[in-house]
Amino acid sequence: MIVKEVEYICSVLQDNYVGLNLHSLINIESLPYYKAINDCIKPFSSTDNELPFLLVSRLVFRFFFLITESIDLKVVPEKGLIRFEFIPNDLELMNKHQIDGVMMTVYRIVEDFCPGFLKMIYVAQRNSTYELEYYQSMFGVPVEPELC
């Protein structure tokens, strides 16, 4: 039901990126997800050192359930990098707009605590040249289709 409603809203608004666009406008500091991570990081905020990206990544993973339970997050170490994988629990109950929104929220939170650490985005739910260019304009890093 929710998938159909989201698709209807997208058609009425004529916005194929409603998840990205809405989640780019949210005040992330008001989200319980952000607040939980921020509370864990407060002891480090009094130092002049950068927050370790690994610490932020683990907190993002730990508190991810506060965003949604319909998508699982995997944090995968890969060649000296960290890869976030967003995996829908039920493809029949999910759509690309919901995945887009969750990706944008996680990106904004990670960017807030560790600016400039995002280097590349691979997406499975979008694959046209225009979609990938739109993603790049929203995230500011190269975007490539995920090869399944």
C-alpha atoms as a PDB file:
ATOM      1  CA  MET A   1       0.000   0.000   0.000  1.00  0.00           C
ATOM      2  CA  ILE A   2       2.734   2.481   0.942  1.00  0.00           C
ATOM      3  CA  VAL A   3       4.609   1.813  -2.295  1.00  0.00           C
ATOM      4  CA  LYS A   4       1.524   2.731  -4.323  1.00  0.00           C
ATOM      5  CA  GLU A   5       0.943   5.861  -2.238  1.00  0.00           C
ATOM      6  CA  VAL A   6       4.532   7.023  -2.704  1.00  0.00           C
ATOM      7  CA  GLU A   7       4.302   6.400  -6.445  1.00  0.00           C
ATOM      8  CA  TYR A   8       1.049   8.387  -6.533  1.00  0.00           C
ATOM      9  CA  ILE A   9       2.631  11.306  -4.670  1.00  0.00           C
ATOM     10  CA  CYS A  10       5.565  11.269  -7.099  1.00  0.00           C
ATOM     11  CA  SER A  11       3.245  11.373 -10.083  1.00  0.00           C
ATOM     12  CA  VAL A  12       1.162  14.205  -8.612  1.00  0.00           C
ATOM     13  CA  LEU A  13       4.262  16.219  -7.721  1.00  0.00           C
ATOM     14  CA  GLN A  14       5.980  15.179 -10.946  1.00  0.00           C
ATOM     15  CA  ASP A  15       9.093  14.453  -8.916  1.00  0.00           C
ATOM     16  CA  ASN A  16      10.987  11.257  -9.664  1.00  0.00           C
ATOM     17  CA  TYR A  17      13.380  12.003  -6.791  1.00  0.00           C
ATOM     18  CA  VAL A  18      10.972  12.775  -3.972  1.00  0.00           C
ATOM     19  CA  GLY A  19      12.977  10.692  -1.461  1.00  0.00           C
ATOM     20  CA  LEU A  20      16.220  12.520  -2.193  1.00  0.00           C
ATOM     21  CA  ASN A  21      14.581  15.924  -2.323  1.00  0.00           C
ATOM     22  CA  LEU A  22      12.533  15.598   0.873  1.00  0.00           C
ATOM     23  CA  HIS A  23      15.380  14.138   2.897  1.00  0.00           C
ATOM     24  CA  SER A  24      17.755  16.845   1.699  1.00  0.00           C
ATOM     25  CA  LEU A  25      15.434  19.423   3.285  1.00  0.00           C
ATOM     26  CA  ILE A  26      14.968  17.774   6.691  1.00  0.00           C
ATOM     27  CA  ASN A  27      16.628  19.378   9.696  1.00  0.00           C
ATOM     28  CA  ILE A  28      18.809  16.369  10.514  1.00  0.00           C
ATOM     29  CA  GLU A  29      19.721  17.691  13.957  1.00  0.00           C
ATOM     30  CA  SER A  30      16.093  17.207  15.021  1.00  0.00           C
ATOM     31  CA  LEU A  31      16.099  13.488  14.141  1.00  0.00           C
ATOM     32  CA  PRO A  32      16.378  10.938  16.992  1.00  0.00           C
ATOM     33  CA  TYR A  33      18.944   9.110  14.815  1.00  0.00           C
ATOM     34  CA  TYR A  34      21.189  12.181  14.667  1.00  0.00           C
ATOM     35  CA  LYS A  35      20.708  12.924  18.363  1.00  0.00           C
ATOM     36  CA  ALA A  36      21.700   9.378  19.381  1.00  0.00           C
ATOM     37  CA  ILE A  37      24.910   9.559  17.346  1.00  0.00           C
ATOM     38  CA  ASN A  38      25.640  13.090  18.532  1.00  0.00           C
ATOM     39  CA  ASP A  39      25.239  12.052  22.195  1.00  0.00           C
ATOM     40  CA  CYS A  40      27.819   9.303  21.692  1.00  0.00           C
ATOM     41  CA  ILE A  41      30.218  11.708  20.012  1.00  0.00           C
ATOM     42  CA  LYS A  42      29.905  14.563  22.555  1.00  0.00           C
ATOM     43  CA  PRO A  43      32.950  13.449  24.590  1.00  0.00           C
ATOM     44  CA  PHE A  44      35.089  13.860  21.457  1.00  0.00           C
ATOM     45  CA  SER A  45      33.711  17.290  20.565  1.00  0.00           C
ATOM     46  CA  SER A  46      35.846  19.077  23.160  1.00  0.00           C
ATOM     47  CA  THR A  47      39.023  18.046  21.351  1.00  0.00           C
ATOM     48  CA  ASP A  48      40.414  19.639  18.224  1.00  0.00           C
ATOM     49  CA  ASN A  49      40.928  16.246  16.583  1.00  0.00           C
ATOM     50  CA  GLU A  50      38.868  14.974  13.674  1.00  0.00           C
ATOM     51  CA  LEU A  51      36.323  12.347  14.521  1.00  0.00           C
ATOM     52  CA  PRO A  52      37.434   8.939  13.316  1.00  0.00           C
ATOM     53  CA  PHE A  53      35.336   7.920  10.319  1.00  0.00           C
ATOM     54  CA  LEU A  54      35.271   4.334  11.567  1.00  0.00           C
ATOM     55  CA  LEU A  55      33.672   5.483  14.843  1.00  0.00           C
ATOM     56  CA  VAL A  56      31.010   7.483  13.012  1.00  0.00           C
ATOM     57  CA  SER A  57      30.373   4.579  10.620  1.00  0.00           C
ATOM     58  CA  ARG A  58      29.844   2.166  13.497  1.00  0.00           C
ATOM     59  CA  LEU A  59      27.471   4.559  15.236  1.00  0.00           C
ATOM     60  CA  VAL A  60      25.545   5.056  11.988  1.00  0.00           C
ATOM     61  CA  PHE A  61      25.219   1.274  11.768  1.00  0.00           C
ATOM     62  CA  ARG A  62      24.326   0.836  15.445  1.00  0.00           C
ATOM     63  CA  PHE A  63      21.501   3.374  15.455  1.00  0.00           C
ATOM     64  CA  PHE A  64      20.227   2.749  11.902  1.00  0.00           C
ATOM     65  CA  PHE A  65      17.060   1.090  13.220  1.00  0.00           C
ATOM     66  CA  LEU A  66      15.909   4.551  14.336  1.00  0.00           C
ATOM     67  CA  ILE A  67      15.482   5.537  10.658  1.00  0.00           C
ATOM     68  CA  THR A  68      13.734   2.463   9.314  1.00  0.00           C
ATOM     69  CA  GLU A  69      13.274  -1.228   9.877  1.00  0.00           C
ATOM     70  CA  SER A  70      12.356  -1.893   6.258  1.00  0.00           C
ATOM     71  CA  ILE A  71      15.947  -1.483   5.054  1.00  0.00           C
ATOM     72  CA  ASP A  72      19.015  -3.156   6.529  1.00  0.00           C
ATOM     73  CA  LEU A  73      22.360  -1.419   6.589  1.00  0.00           C
ATOM     74  CA  LYS A  74      25.582  -3.347   6.149  1.00  0.00           C
ATOM     75  CA  VAL A  75      28.925  -1.691   6.837  1.00  0.00           C
ATOM     76  CA  VAL A  76      31.591  -3.470   4.788  1.00  0.00           C
ATOM     77  CA  PRO A  77      35.329  -2.751   5.058  1.00  0.00           C
ATOM     78  CA  GLU A  78      36.750  -2.715   1.528  1.00  0.00           C
ATOM     79  CA  LYS A  79      40.337  -1.920   0.473  1.00  0.00           C
ATOM     80  CA  GLY A  80      40.941   0.638   3.210  1.00  0.00           C
ATOM     81  CA  LEU A  81      37.469   2.131   2.718  1.00  0.00           C
ATOM     82  CA  ILE A  82      34.080   1.655   4.338  1.00  0.00           C
ATOM     83  CA  ARG A  83      31.139   0.687   2.155  1.00  0.00           C
ATOM     84  CA  PHE A  84      27.534   1.244   3.256  1.00  0.00           C
ATOM     85  CA  GLU A  85      25.069  -1.163   1.670  1.00  0.00           C
ATOM     86  CA  PHE A  86      21.341  -0.450   1.897  1.00  0.00           C
ATOM     87  CA  ILE A  87      19.376  -3.682   1.549  1.00  0.00           C
ATOM     88  CA  PRO A  88      15.551  -3.665   1.363  1.00  0.00           C
ATOM     89  CA  ASN A  89      13.952  -6.327   3.567  1.00  0.00           C
ATOM     90  CA  ASP A  90      11.051  -6.859   1.171  1.00  0.00           C
ATOM     91  CA  LEU A  91      11.300  -5.611  -2.406  1.00  0.00           C
ATOM     92  CA  GLU A  92       7.513  -5.697  -2.771  1.00  0.00           C
ATOM     93  CA  LEU A  93       7.133  -3.202   0.079  1.00  0.00           C
ATOM     94  CA  MET A  94       9.953  -0.887  -0.956  1.00  0.00           C
ATOM     95  CA  ASN A  95      10.596   1.512  -3.778  1.00  0.00           C
ATOM     96  CA  LYS A  96      13.495   3.585  -5.018  1.00  0.00           C
ATOM     97  CA  HIS A  97      12.193   6.739  -3.303  1.00  0.00           C
ATOM     98  CA  GLN A  98      12.414   5.173   0.147  1.00  0.00           C
ATOM     99  CA  ILE A  99      15.934   3.897  -0.508  1.00  0.00           C
ATOM    100  CA  ASP A 100      16.905   7.319  -1.906  1.00  0.00           C
ATOM    101  CA  GLY A 101      15.631   9.028   1.246  1.00  0.00           C
ATOM    102  CA  VAL A 102      17.498   6.728   3.611  1.00  0.00           C
ATOM    103  CA  MET A 103      20.695   7.120   1.601  1.00  0.00           C
ATOM    104  CA  MET A 104      20.378  10.918   1.713  1.00  0.00           C
ATOM    105  CA  THR A 105      19.787  10.937   5.468  1.00  0.00           C
ATOM    106  CA  VAL A 106      22.778   8.693   6.187  1.00  0.00           C
ATOM    107  CA  TYR A 107      24.938  10.745   3.816  1.00  0.00           C
ATOM    108  CA  ARG A 108      23.986  14.032   5.491  1.00  0.00           C
ATOM    109  CA  ILE A 109      24.680  12.679   8.965  1.00  0.00           C
ATOM    110  CA  VAL A 110      28.052  11.192   8.003  1.00  0.00           C
ATOM    111  CA  GLU A 111      28.934  14.397   6.150  1.00  0.00           C
ATOM    112  CA  ASP A 112      28.013  16.469   9.202  1.00  0.00           C
ATOM    113  CA  PHE A 113      30.367  14.535  11.482  1.00  0.00           C
ATOM    114  CA  CYS A 114      33.099  13.654   8.939  1.00  0.00           C
ATOM    115  CA  PRO A 115      32.995  16.146   6.066  1.00  0.00           C
ATOM    116  CA  GLY A 116      34.478  15.041   2.771  1.00  0.00           C
ATOM    117  CA  PHE A 117      34.791  11.329   3.533  1.00  0.00           C
ATOM    118  CA  LEU A 118      32.270  10.189   0.944  1.00  0.00           C
ATOM    119  CA  LYS A 119      34.198   9.370  -2.239  1.00  0.00           C
ATOM    120  CA  MET A 120      31.827   7.373  -4.465  1.00  0.00           C
ATOM    121  CA  ILE A 121      28.232   6.201  -4.623  1.00  0.00           C
ATOM    122  CA  TYR A 122      27.089   3.005  -6.284  1.00  0.00           C
ATOM    123  CA  VAL A 123      23.334   2.727  -6.743  1.00  0.00           C
ATOM    124  CA  ALA A 124      21.235  -0.253  -7.726  1.00  0.00           C
ATOM    125  CA  GLN A 125      17.856   1.478  -7.844  1.00  0.00           C
ATOM    126  CA  ARG A 126      18.861   4.025 -10.500  1.00  0.00           C
ATOM    127  CA  ASN A 127      20.785   3.388 -13.707  1.00  0.00           C
ATOM    128  CA  SER A 128      20.013   5.899 -16.447  1.00  0.00           C
ATOM    129  CA  THR A 129      22.610   8.545 -17.236  1.00  0.00           C
ATOM    130  CA  TYR A 130      20.228  11.296 -16.130  1.00  0.00           C
ATOM    131  CA  GLU A 131      19.505   9.557 -12.805  1.00  0.00           C
ATOM    132  CA  LEU A 132      23.187   9.083 -12.080  1.00  0.00           C
ATOM    133  CA  GLU A 133      23.917  12.722 -12.945  1.00  0.00           C
ATOM    134  CA  TYR A 134      21.100  13.839 -10.644  1.00  0.00           C
ATOM    135  CA  TYR A 135      22.568  11.738  -7.833  1.00  0.00           C
ATOM    136  CA  GLN A 136      25.968  13.304  -8.452  1.00  0.00           C
ATOM    137  CA  SER A 137      24.430  16.771  -8.232  1.00  0.00           C
ATOM    138  CA  MET A 138      22.800  15.885  -4.895  1.00  0.00           C
ATOM    139  CA  PHE A 139      25.772  14.129  -3.276  1.00  0.00           C
ATOM    140  CA  GLY A 140      28.653  15.957  -4.950  1.00  0.00           C
ATOM    141  CA  VAL A 141      30.690  12.829  -5.676  1.00  0.00           C
ATOM    142  CA  PRO A 142      30.953  10.436  -8.626  1.00  0.00           C
ATOM    143  CA  VAL A 143      28.027   8.010  -8.956  1.00  0.00           C
ATOM    144  CA  GLU A 144      28.009   4.684 -10.761  1.00  0.00           C
ATOM    145  CA  PRO A 145      25.374   1.994 -11.202  1.00  0.00           C
ATOM    146  CA  GLU A 146      25.767  -1.015  -8.928  1.00  0.00           C
ATOM    147  CA  LEU A 147      26.540  -4.052 -11.013  1.00  0.00           C
ATOM    148  CA  CYS A 148      24.501  -6.940  -9.627  1.00  0.00           C
END
